[in-house]
Amino acid sequence: MKNIIIIVVLLLITTACSTNHKNLEDLNRVDVHQNGEDWMVTDQDEIDQLREIFKSIEWREGSPRKEQIHNLKLVLFFLYDKNMPERLVDYYIWADPTQILLWDKEENRMGMLNQSASEKLLNIIHKK
């Protein structure tokens, strides 16, 4: 009986810890940091557009070269439970006229957006 209780407790702890994933439906705010300036994206229509853009990111494992310096940083705010604090995820971004590269340091992966998604992202995050 004791073993069953221990197994159940361990399963509950494992399950609780494994819910730390990024569910884009729980995205509720994005902070933008660029050249010492900070601003927030909180408009629900823009957040919905950002969800779709983030879903289109083509991820692969890896990190940027040391000499690469990001153009801007996005902090994504995920609210999984209204009784718990938001979970923050940082995306470092390198933007050029044809594409955007993103780095998710927490998961050590690089992502890329096509030109259309890049333009949409830049239009949303550069509104102040």
N, C-alpha and C. Protein backbone atom coordinates (compact mmCIF):
# COMPACT_ATOMS: atom_id res chain seq x y z
N MET A 1 0.82 -1.20 0.00
CA MET A 1 0.00 0.00 0.00
C MET A 1 0.86 1.26 0.00
N LYS A 2 1.93 1.21 0.80
CA LYS A 2 2.84 2.34 0.88
C LYS A 2 3.46 2.62 -0.49
N ASN A 3 3.83 1.55 -1.21
CA ASN A 3 4.44 1.70 -2.53
C ASN A 3 3.48 2.35 -3.52
N ILE A 4 2.22 2.01 -3.42
CA ILE A 4 1.23 2.59 -4.33
C ILE A 4 1.10 4.09 -4.07
N ILE A 5 1.08 4.48 -2.81
CA ILE A 5 0.98 5.91 -2.47
C ILE A 5 2.21 6.65 -2.98
N ILE A 6 3.37 6.08 -2.80
CA ILE A 6 4.60 6.71 -3.29
C ILE A 6 4.56 6.86 -4.80
N ILE A 7 4.13 5.84 -5.50
CA ILE A 7 4.04 5.90 -6.96
C ILE A 7 3.06 6.98 -7.40
N VAL A 8 1.92 7.06 -6.76
CA VAL A 8 0.91 8.07 -7.11
C VAL A 8 1.47 9.47 -6.87
N VAL A 9 2.14 9.68 -5.75
CA VAL A 9 2.73 11.00 -5.45
C VAL A 9 3.78 11.35 -6.49
N LEU A 10 4.64 10.41 -6.84
CA LEU A 10 5.66 10.67 -7.85
C LEU A 10 5.05 10.99 -9.21
N LEU A 11 3.99 10.28 -9.57
CA LEU A 11 3.31 10.57 -10.84
C LEU A 11 2.70 11.96 -10.83
N LEU A 12 2.11 12.36 -9.72
CA LEU A 12 1.52 13.70 -9.62
C LEU A 12 2.60 14.78 -9.74
N ILE A 13 3.72 14.57 -9.08
CA ILE A 13 4.82 15.54 -9.15
C ILE A 13 5.36 15.61 -10.57
N THR A 14 5.58 14.46 -11.19
CA THR A 14 6.08 14.43 -12.56
C THR A 14 5.13 15.12 -13.52
N THR A 15 3.85 14.86 -13.37
CA THR A 15 2.85 15.48 -14.23
C THR A 15 2.82 16.98 -14.03
N ALA A 16 2.88 17.42 -12.79
CA ALA A 16 2.86 18.86 -12.50
C ALA A 16 4.07 19.55 -13.09
N CYS A 17 5.22 18.93 -13.00
CA CYS A 17 6.44 19.53 -13.55
C CYS A 17 6.46 19.50 -15.07
N SER A 18 5.81 18.54 -15.67
CA SER A 18 5.86 18.41 -17.12
C SER A 18 4.91 19.37 -17.82
N THR A 19 4.08 20.09 -17.09
CA THR A 19 3.17 21.05 -17.71
C THR A 19 3.85 22.38 -17.96
N ASN A 20 5.15 22.39 -17.93
CA ASN A 20 5.92 23.61 -18.10
C ASN A 20 6.14 23.94 -19.58
N HIS A 21 5.44 23.28 -20.49
CA HIS A 21 5.61 23.49 -21.92
C HIS A 21 4.97 24.82 -22.34
N LYS A 22 5.26 25.23 -23.55
CA LYS A 22 4.72 26.47 -24.08
C LYS A 22 3.47 26.17 -24.89
N ASN A 23 2.34 26.52 -24.35
CA ASN A 23 1.09 26.41 -25.10
C ASN A 23 0.75 27.80 -25.60
N LEU A 24 0.82 28.01 -26.89
CA LEU A 24 0.62 29.35 -27.44
C LEU A 24 -0.77 29.90 -27.15
N GLU A 25 -1.73 29.05 -26.87
CA GLU A 25 -3.07 29.54 -26.52
C GLU A 25 -3.05 30.27 -25.19
N ASP A 26 -2.04 30.02 -24.36
CA ASP A 26 -1.92 30.68 -23.06
C ASP A 26 -1.09 31.96 -23.11
N LEU A 27 -0.63 32.34 -24.31
CA LEU A 27 0.12 33.58 -24.48
C LEU A 27 -0.83 34.76 -24.25
N ASN A 28 -0.46 35.67 -23.35
CA ASN A 28 -1.35 36.80 -23.10
C ASN A 28 -0.68 38.16 -23.19
N ARG A 29 0.64 38.20 -23.38
CA ARG A 29 1.34 39.48 -23.51
C ARG A 29 2.73 39.23 -24.07
N VAL A 30 3.26 40.21 -24.79
CA VAL A 30 4.63 40.14 -25.28
C VAL A 30 5.30 41.48 -24.99
N ASP A 31 6.43 41.44 -24.32
CA ASP A 31 7.23 42.64 -24.10
C ASP A 31 8.32 42.68 -25.16
N VAL A 32 8.58 43.87 -25.68
CA VAL A 32 9.61 44.05 -26.70
C VAL A 32 10.70 44.93 -26.11
N HIS A 33 11.96 44.50 -26.27
CA HIS A 33 13.11 45.25 -25.78
C HIS A 33 14.03 45.50 -26.98
N GLN A 34 14.26 46.78 -27.28
CA GLN A 34 15.12 47.11 -28.41
C GLN A 34 15.82 48.43 -28.15
N ASN A 35 17.13 48.43 -28.26
CA ASN A 35 17.95 49.63 -28.12
C ASN A 35 17.62 50.41 -26.85
N GLY A 36 17.48 49.72 -25.74
CA GLY A 36 17.21 50.38 -24.46
C GLY A 36 15.78 50.85 -24.27
N GLU A 37 14.92 50.60 -25.24
CA GLU A 37 13.50 50.95 -25.11
C GLU A 37 12.68 49.68 -24.91
N ASP A 38 11.62 49.82 -24.12
CA ASP A 38 10.75 48.69 -23.84
C ASP A 38 9.30 49.10 -24.09
N TRP A 39 8.52 48.19 -24.66
CA TRP A 39 7.10 48.40 -24.81
C TRP A 39 6.39 47.06 -24.84
N MET A 40 5.08 47.10 -24.65
CA MET A 40 4.29 45.88 -24.54
C MET A 40 3.32 45.75 -25.71
N VAL A 41 3.07 44.51 -26.09
CA VAL A 41 2.00 44.17 -27.03
C VAL A 41 0.95 43.45 -26.19
N THR A 42 -0.22 44.08 -26.05
CA THR A 42 -1.28 43.49 -25.22
C THR A 42 -2.61 43.40 -25.96
N ASP A 43 -2.70 44.06 -27.12
CA ASP A 43 -3.95 44.02 -27.89
C ASP A 43 -4.26 42.57 -28.27
N GLN A 44 -5.49 42.14 -28.00
CA GLN A 44 -5.86 40.74 -28.21
C GLN A 44 -5.74 40.31 -29.68
N ASP A 45 -6.10 41.19 -30.62
CA ASP A 45 -5.96 40.84 -32.04
C ASP A 45 -4.50 40.63 -32.42
N GLU A 46 -3.63 41.49 -31.88
CA GLU A 46 -2.21 41.35 -32.18
C GLU A 46 -1.63 40.10 -31.51
N ILE A 47 -2.08 39.78 -30.31
CA ILE A 47 -1.63 38.55 -29.64
C ILE A 47 -2.06 37.34 -30.45
N ASP A 48 -3.29 37.37 -30.97
CA ASP A 48 -3.77 36.26 -31.82
C ASP A 48 -2.90 36.11 -33.07
N GLN A 49 -2.53 37.24 -33.68
CA GLN A 49 -1.66 37.20 -34.86
C GLN A 49 -0.28 36.65 -34.49
N LEU A 50 0.23 37.07 -33.33
CA LEU A 50 1.54 36.57 -32.89
C LEU A 50 1.50 35.06 -32.65
N ARG A 51 0.41 34.57 -32.10
CA ARG A 51 0.28 33.11 -31.90
C ARG A 51 0.44 32.38 -33.23
N GLU A 52 -0.24 32.88 -34.26
CA GLU A 52 -0.15 32.24 -35.57
C GLU A 52 1.26 32.33 -36.15
N ILE A 53 1.90 33.47 -35.95
CA ILE A 53 3.27 33.64 -36.45
C ILE A 53 4.21 32.67 -35.72
N PHE A 54 4.09 32.59 -34.39
CA PHE A 54 4.97 31.71 -33.62
C PHE A 54 4.74 30.24 -33.98
N LYS A 55 3.52 29.89 -34.34
CA LYS A 55 3.24 28.51 -34.76
C LYS A 55 3.96 28.17 -36.06
N SER A 56 4.25 29.18 -36.88
CA SER A 56 4.88 28.93 -38.18
C SER A 56 6.41 28.88 -38.12
N ILE A 57 6.98 29.08 -36.93
CA ILE A 57 8.44 29.06 -36.81
C ILE A 57 8.96 27.65 -37.10
N GLU A 58 9.98 27.59 -37.92
CA GLU A 58 10.65 26.33 -38.23
C GLU A 58 11.84 26.20 -37.29
N TRP A 59 11.71 25.35 -36.25
CA TRP A 59 12.73 25.20 -35.22
C TRP A 59 13.73 24.11 -35.56
N ARG A 60 14.97 24.31 -35.11
CA ARG A 60 15.99 23.28 -35.17
C ARG A 60 16.90 23.48 -33.96
N GLU A 61 17.55 22.42 -33.54
CA GLU A 61 18.41 22.50 -32.37
C GLU A 61 19.63 23.36 -32.67
N GLY A 62 20.05 24.13 -31.70
CA GLY A 62 21.27 24.91 -31.86
C GLY A 62 21.18 26.27 -31.21
N SER A 63 22.33 26.92 -31.17
CA SER A 63 22.41 28.26 -30.59
C SER A 63 23.21 29.15 -31.53
N PRO A 64 23.09 30.46 -31.37
CA PRO A 64 23.80 31.37 -32.27
C PRO A 64 25.30 31.36 -32.03
N ARG A 65 26.02 31.82 -33.04
CA ARG A 65 27.47 31.98 -32.88
C ARG A 65 27.72 33.11 -31.89
N LYS A 66 28.82 33.04 -31.19
CA LYS A 66 29.11 34.03 -30.14
C LYS A 66 29.16 35.45 -30.68
N GLU A 67 29.58 35.63 -31.91
CA GLU A 67 29.72 36.99 -32.45
C GLU A 67 28.39 37.59 -32.87
N GLN A 68 27.35 36.78 -32.93
CA GLN A 68 26.04 37.30 -33.31
C GLN A 68 25.42 38.07 -32.15
N ILE A 69 24.99 39.28 -32.42
CA ILE A 69 24.32 40.11 -31.42
C ILE A 69 22.89 40.32 -31.89
N HIS A 70 21.95 40.02 -31.02
CA HIS A 70 20.54 40.12 -31.40
C HIS A 70 20.11 41.58 -31.57
N ASN A 71 19.15 41.79 -32.51
CA ASN A 71 18.60 43.12 -32.76
C ASN A 71 17.59 43.50 -31.68
N LEU A 72 16.81 42.51 -31.25
CA LEU A 72 15.81 42.78 -30.23
C LEU A 72 15.48 41.51 -29.47
N LYS A 73 14.75 41.70 -28.38
CA LYS A 73 14.38 40.58 -27.53
C LYS A 73 12.88 40.66 -27.25
N LEU A 74 12.23 39.52 -27.35
CA LEU A 74 10.82 39.42 -26.99
C LEU A 74 10.70 38.59 -25.74
N VAL A 75 9.86 39.04 -24.82
CA VAL A 75 9.56 38.25 -23.62
C VAL A 75 8.09 37.86 -23.74
N LEU A 76 7.86 36.56 -23.87
CA LEU A 76 6.50 36.05 -24.00
C LEU A 76 5.96 35.70 -22.62
N PHE A 77 4.74 36.16 -22.34
CA PHE A 77 4.10 35.91 -21.05
C PHE A 77 3.00 34.88 -21.25
N PHE A 78 3.15 33.73 -20.58
CA PHE A 78 2.16 32.67 -20.65
C PHE A 78 1.44 32.58 -19.31
N LEU A 79 0.12 32.64 -19.34
CA LEU A 79 -0.68 32.52 -18.14
C LEU A 79 -1.41 31.18 -18.19
N TYR A 80 -0.87 30.19 -17.46
CA TYR A 80 -1.46 28.86 -17.46
C TYR A 80 -2.58 28.72 -16.44
N ASP A 81 -2.48 29.50 -15.36
CA ASP A 81 -3.47 29.43 -14.29
C ASP A 81 -3.56 30.81 -13.67
N LYS A 82 -4.75 31.36 -13.57
CA LYS A 82 -4.91 32.73 -13.06
C LYS A 82 -4.46 32.85 -11.60
N ASN A 83 -4.32 31.74 -10.90
CA ASN A 83 -3.88 31.76 -9.51
C ASN A 83 -2.37 31.58 -9.37
N MET A 84 -1.69 31.49 -10.49
CA MET A 84 -0.24 31.30 -10.49
C MET A 84 0.41 32.44 -11.28
N PRO A 85 1.69 32.72 -11.00
CA PRO A 85 2.37 33.76 -11.76
C PRO A 85 2.55 33.36 -13.22
N GLU A 86 2.70 34.36 -14.08
CA GLU A 86 2.93 34.08 -15.50
C GLU A 86 4.29 33.43 -15.67
N ARG A 87 4.40 32.64 -16.72
CA ARG A 87 5.68 32.03 -17.08
C ARG A 87 6.27 32.87 -18.21
N LEU A 88 7.53 33.25 -18.07
CA LEU A 88 8.19 34.10 -19.05
C LEU A 88 9.15 33.29 -19.90
N VAL A 89 9.12 33.56 -21.21
CA VAL A 89 10.02 32.90 -22.15
C VAL A 89 10.66 33.98 -23.01
N ASP A 90 11.98 33.96 -23.10
CA ASP A 90 12.71 34.96 -23.89
C ASP A 90 13.01 34.42 -25.28
N TYR A 91 12.73 35.24 -26.29
CA TYR A 91 13.15 34.96 -27.65
C TYR A 91 14.10 36.09 -28.07
N TYR A 92 15.31 35.75 -28.46
CA TYR A 92 16.27 36.72 -28.99
C TYR A 92 16.13 36.70 -30.50
N ILE A 93 16.12 37.88 -31.11
CA ILE A 93 15.79 37.97 -32.53
C ILE A 93 16.87 38.72 -33.30
N TRP A 94 17.20 38.14 -34.47
CA TRP A 94 18.05 38.78 -35.46
C TRP A 94 17.18 39.02 -36.68
N ALA A 95 17.03 40.28 -37.05
CA ALA A 95 16.16 40.60 -38.18
C ALA A 95 16.98 41.21 -39.31
N ASP A 96 16.69 40.77 -40.53
CA ASP A 96 17.23 41.43 -41.72
C ASP A 96 16.06 41.57 -42.70
N PRO A 97 16.27 42.24 -43.83
CA PRO A 97 15.13 42.51 -44.72
C PRO A 97 14.41 41.28 -45.26
N THR A 98 15.04 40.13 -45.28
CA THR A 98 14.40 38.97 -45.90
C THR A 98 13.88 37.92 -44.93
N GLN A 99 14.40 37.89 -43.71
CA GLN A 99 13.96 36.86 -42.77
C GLN A 99 14.28 37.25 -41.34
N ILE A 100 13.70 36.50 -40.42
CA ILE A 100 13.97 36.67 -39.00
C ILE A 100 14.46 35.34 -38.44
N LEU A 101 15.53 35.43 -37.66
CA LEU A 101 16.03 34.27 -36.92
C LEU A 101 15.71 34.49 -35.45
N LEU A 102 15.26 33.45 -34.76
CA LEU A 102 14.93 33.53 -33.36
C LEU A 102 15.73 32.49 -32.59
N TRP A 103 16.07 32.81 -31.35
CA TRP A 103 16.75 31.87 -30.50
C TRP A 103 15.97 31.73 -29.21
N ASP A 104 15.60 30.52 -28.91
CA ASP A 104 14.95 30.17 -27.65
C ASP A 104 16.03 29.56 -26.78
N LYS A 105 16.63 30.39 -25.92
CA LYS A 105 17.78 29.96 -25.12
C LYS A 105 17.40 28.82 -24.19
N GLU A 106 16.21 28.89 -23.61
CA GLU A 106 15.77 27.88 -22.65
C GLU A 106 15.77 26.48 -23.25
N GLU A 107 15.35 26.36 -24.50
CA GLU A 107 15.29 25.05 -25.16
C GLU A 107 16.44 24.84 -26.14
N ASN A 108 17.37 25.80 -26.18
CA ASN A 108 18.54 25.74 -27.06
C ASN A 108 18.15 25.37 -28.49
N ARG A 109 17.31 26.21 -29.07
CA ARG A 109 16.90 25.97 -30.45
C ARG A 109 16.80 27.28 -31.20
N MET A 110 17.09 27.19 -32.47
CA MET A 110 17.01 28.34 -33.38
C MET A 110 15.79 28.17 -34.26
N GLY A 111 15.14 29.28 -34.56
CA GLY A 111 13.97 29.23 -35.42
C GLY A 111 14.08 30.25 -36.53
N MET A 112 13.32 30.02 -37.59
CA MET A 112 13.35 30.91 -38.72
C MET A 112 11.92 31.17 -39.19
N LEU A 113 11.68 32.41 -39.59
CA LEU A 113 10.40 32.79 -40.17
C LEU A 113 10.61 33.13 -41.64
N ASN A 114 9.62 32.83 -42.46
CA ASN A 114 9.72 33.23 -43.86
C ASN A 114 9.49 34.74 -43.97
N GLN A 115 9.64 35.29 -45.16
CA GLN A 115 9.57 36.74 -45.34
C GLN A 115 8.19 37.29 -44.97
N SER A 116 7.14 36.62 -45.34
CA SER A 116 5.79 37.10 -45.04
C SER A 116 5.54 37.15 -43.52
N ALA A 117 5.87 36.08 -42.83
CA ALA A 117 5.69 36.05 -41.38
C ALA A 117 6.62 37.05 -40.69
N SER A 118 7.82 37.22 -41.25
CA SER A 118 8.77 38.20 -40.69
C SER A 118 8.20 39.61 -40.77
N GLU A 119 7.63 39.95 -41.92
CA GLU A 119 7.04 41.28 -42.08
C GLU A 119 5.87 41.49 -41.11
N LYS A 120 5.03 40.48 -40.95
CA LYS A 120 3.90 40.58 -40.02
C LYS A 120 4.39 40.79 -38.59
N LEU A 121 5.40 40.00 -38.20
CA LEU A 121 5.93 40.12 -36.86
C LEU A 121 6.49 41.51 -36.62
N LEU A 122 7.29 42.00 -37.55
CA LEU A 122 7.90 43.33 -37.38
C LEU A 122 6.83 44.43 -37.34
N ASN A 123 5.79 44.30 -38.14
CA ASN A 123 4.71 45.30 -38.10
C ASN A 123 4.02 45.33 -36.75
N ILE A 124 3.83 44.19 -36.14
CA ILE A 124 3.15 44.14 -34.84
C ILE A 124 4.05 44.67 -33.74
N ILE A 125 5.28 44.21 -33.68
CA ILE A 125 6.13 44.57 -32.55
C ILE A 125 6.72 45.97 -32.64
N HIS A 126 6.69 46.58 -33.80
CA HIS A 126 7.22 47.94 -33.91
C HIS A 126 6.17 49.02 -33.71
N LYS A 127 4.94 48.64 -33.45
CA LYS A 127 3.91 49.63 -33.10
C LYS A 127 4.12 50.02 -31.66
N LYS A 128 4.11 51.33 -31.41
CA LYS A 128 4.25 51.78 -30.02
C LYS A 128 3.13 52.72 -29.69
